[in-house]
Amino acid sequence: MTDRGRRHFVRIGDDIVVHGILRFHELAASQAPPPPSCRRPSCTTNPCVVFEYVDGKTYAADDVRQPANLRRILRCCSAATARCPGIFGDRR
């Protein structure tokens, strides 16, 4: 959706535990101070989560295998786990 010239997307629904989708994790990760290259800020919460839309591309397996992309992915994941302690602890 677009509001005041800014694009957003909305996550609606409950946790999907079998797929590891826990809404409180999404919210906490979105509110942690991210490095600029990993930014996806939350705009509003409850009963749904509204995120600012970041124009991008969903990587396929071949994209992830590219050394430059893989380095960027690993830096982003490392930053996310360092900035959101406890969120990823149950998955390690």
C-alpha atoms as a PDB file:
ATOM      1  CA  MET A   1       0.000   0.000   0.000  1.00  0.00           C
ATOM      2  CA  THR A   2       1.058   3.613  -0.417  1.00  0.00           C
ATOM      3  CA  ASP A   3       0.565   6.298   2.219  1.00  0.00           C
ATOM      4  CA  ARG A   4       1.912   9.842   1.924  1.00  0.00           C
ATOM      5  CA  GLY A   5       4.199   8.795  -0.902  1.00  0.00           C
ATOM      6  CA  ARG A   6       5.763   5.898   1.037  1.00  0.00           C
ATOM      7  CA  ARG A   7       5.193   2.250   0.165  1.00  0.00           C
ATOM      8  CA  HIS A   8       4.444  -0.346   2.865  1.00  0.00           C
ATOM      9  CA  PHE A   9       3.499  -3.992   3.222  1.00  0.00           C
ATOM     10  CA  VAL A  10       1.484  -5.629   5.978  1.00  0.00           C
ATOM     11  CA  ARG A  11       2.011  -8.920   7.801  1.00  0.00           C
ATOM     12  CA  ILE A  12      -1.277 -10.272   9.073  1.00  0.00           C
ATOM     13  CA  GLY A  13      -1.830 -13.492  10.921  1.00  0.00           C
ATOM     14  CA  ASP A  14      -0.632 -15.614  13.739  1.00  0.00           C
ATOM     15  CA  ASP A  15       2.615 -17.440  14.290  1.00  0.00           C
ATOM     16  CA  ILE A  16       3.287 -20.390  11.996  1.00  0.00           C
ATOM     17  CA  VAL A  17       5.486 -22.377  14.334  1.00  0.00           C
ATOM     18  CA  VAL A  18       6.072 -25.290  11.952  1.00  0.00           C
ATOM     19  CA  HIS A  19       7.751 -22.841   9.544  1.00  0.00           C
ATOM     20  CA  GLY A  20       9.547 -20.907  12.287  1.00  0.00           C
ATOM     21  CA  ILE A  21       7.453 -17.773  11.674  1.00  0.00           C
ATOM     22  CA  LEU A  22       7.037 -15.999  14.978  1.00  0.00           C
ATOM     23  CA  ARG A  23       5.590 -12.523  14.655  1.00  0.00           C
ATOM     24  CA  PHE A  24       7.260 -11.221  17.804  1.00  0.00           C
ATOM     25  CA  HIS A  25      10.629 -12.130  16.244  1.00  0.00           C
ATOM     26  CA  GLU A  26       9.763 -10.151  13.094  1.00  0.00           C
ATOM     27  CA  LEU A  27       8.701  -7.182  15.166  1.00  0.00           C
ATOM     28  CA  ALA A  28      11.753  -7.262  17.460  1.00  0.00           C
ATOM     29  CA  ALA A  29      14.135  -7.632  14.517  1.00  0.00           C
ATOM     30  CA  SER A  30      12.466  -4.759  12.681  1.00  0.00           C
ATOM     31  CA  GLN A  31      12.759  -2.451  15.700  1.00  0.00           C
ATOM     32  CA  ALA A  32      16.417  -3.178  16.447  1.00  0.00           C
ATOM     33  CA  PRO A  33      18.789  -0.541  15.098  1.00  0.00           C
ATOM     34  CA  PRO A  34      19.934  -2.130  11.829  1.00  0.00           C
ATOM     35  CA  PRO A  35      22.941  -1.371   9.710  1.00  0.00           C
ATOM     36  CA  PRO A  36      21.774   0.735   6.734  1.00  0.00           C
ATOM     37  CA  SER A  37      22.256  -2.109   4.249  1.00  0.00           C
ATOM     38  CA  CYS A  38      19.839  -4.369   6.179  1.00  0.00           C
ATOM     39  CA  ARG A  39      17.161  -1.827   6.988  1.00  0.00           C
ATOM     40  CA  ARG A  40      13.478  -2.776   7.014  1.00  0.00           C
ATOM     41  CA  PRO A  41      11.859  -0.570   9.643  1.00  0.00           C
ATOM     42  CA  SER A  42       8.506  -1.234  11.234  1.00  0.00           C
ATOM     43  CA  CYS A  43       6.010   1.588  10.888  1.00  0.00           C
ATOM     44  CA  THR A  44       3.207   0.419  13.129  1.00  0.00           C
ATOM     45  CA  THR A  45       2.105  -2.635  15.100  1.00  0.00           C
ATOM     46  CA  ASN A  46      -0.908  -4.390  16.565  1.00  0.00           C
ATOM     47  CA  PRO A  47      -2.940  -6.224  15.418  1.00  0.00           C
ATOM     48  CA  CYS A  48      -0.777  -6.438  12.330  1.00  0.00           C
ATOM     49  CA  VAL A  49       2.778  -5.415  11.555  1.00  0.00           C
ATOM     50  CA  VAL A  50       3.333  -2.754   8.903  1.00  0.00           C
ATOM     51  CA  PHE A  51       6.764  -2.525   7.338  1.00  0.00           C
ATOM     52  CA  GLU A  52       8.214   0.055   5.029  1.00  0.00           C
ATOM     53  CA  TYR A  53       8.583  -1.565   1.624  1.00  0.00           C
ATOM     54  CA  VAL A  54      12.137  -1.918   0.380  1.00  0.00           C
ATOM     55  CA  ASP A  55      12.352  -2.450  -3.356  1.00  0.00           C
ATOM     56  CA  GLY A  56      14.538  -5.457  -3.914  1.00  0.00           C
ATOM     57  CA  LYS A  57      14.918  -8.917  -5.311  1.00  0.00           C
ATOM     58  CA  THR A  58      14.294 -12.307  -3.758  1.00  0.00           C
ATOM     59  CA  TYR A  59      17.467 -14.309  -4.224  1.00  0.00           C
ATOM     60  CA  ALA A  60      17.393 -17.689  -5.922  1.00  0.00           C
ATOM     61  CA  ALA A  61      19.975 -20.340  -5.053  1.00  0.00           C
ATOM     62  CA  ASP A  62      22.255 -19.160  -7.887  1.00  0.00           C
ATOM     63  CA  ASP A  63      22.179 -15.602  -6.509  1.00  0.00           C
ATOM     64  CA  VAL A  64      23.225 -16.812  -3.054  1.00  0.00           C
ATOM     65  CA  ARG A  65      26.124 -18.777  -4.544  1.00  0.00           C
ATOM     66  CA  GLN A  66      27.670 -15.618  -6.012  1.00  0.00           C
ATOM     67  CA  PRO A  67      30.654 -14.774  -3.755  1.00  0.00           C
ATOM     68  CA  ALA A  68      29.844 -11.042  -3.536  1.00  0.00           C
ATOM     69  CA  ASN A  69      26.208 -11.745  -2.647  1.00  0.00           C
ATOM     70  CA  LEU A  70      27.133 -14.420  -0.134  1.00  0.00           C
ATOM     71  CA  ARG A  71      29.493 -12.011   1.665  1.00  0.00           C
ATOM     72  CA  ARG A  72      26.699  -9.407   1.881  1.00  0.00           C
ATOM     73  CA  ILE A  73      24.215 -12.014   3.157  1.00  0.00           C
ATOM     74  CA  LEU A  74      26.619 -13.219   5.833  1.00  0.00           C
ATOM     75  CA  ARG A  75      27.396  -9.650   6.974  1.00  0.00           C
ATOM     76  CA  CYS A  76      23.678  -8.896   7.262  1.00  0.00           C
ATOM     77  CA  CYS A  77      22.936 -12.134   9.156  1.00  0.00           C
ATOM     78  CA  SER A  78      25.856 -11.539  11.493  1.00  0.00           C
ATOM     79  CA  ALA A  79      24.685  -7.988  12.201  1.00  0.00           C
ATOM     80  CA  ALA A  80      21.121  -9.167  12.809  1.00  0.00           C
ATOM     81  CA  THR A  81      22.145 -11.832  15.314  1.00  0.00           C
ATOM     82  CA  ALA A  82      24.473  -9.407  17.122  1.00  0.00           C
ATOM     83  CA  ARG A  83      21.831  -6.671  17.337  1.00  0.00           C
ATOM     84  CA  CYS A  84      18.927  -8.929  18.347  1.00  0.00           C
ATOM     85  CA  PRO A  85      20.306 -11.137  21.138  1.00  0.00           C
ATOM     86  CA  GLY A  86      17.967 -13.876  22.234  1.00  0.00           C
ATOM     87  CA  ILE A  87      15.852 -13.789  19.100  1.00  0.00           C
ATOM     88  CA  PHE A  88      17.888 -16.328  17.197  1.00  0.00           C
ATOM     89  CA  GLY A  89      19.078 -18.290  20.229  1.00  0.00           C
ATOM     90  CA  ASP A  90      16.388 -20.958  19.934  1.00  0.00           C
ATOM     91  CA  ARG A  91      17.348 -21.724  16.321  1.00  0.00           C
ATOM     92  CA  ARG A  92      21.133 -22.225  16.685  1.00  0.00           C
END
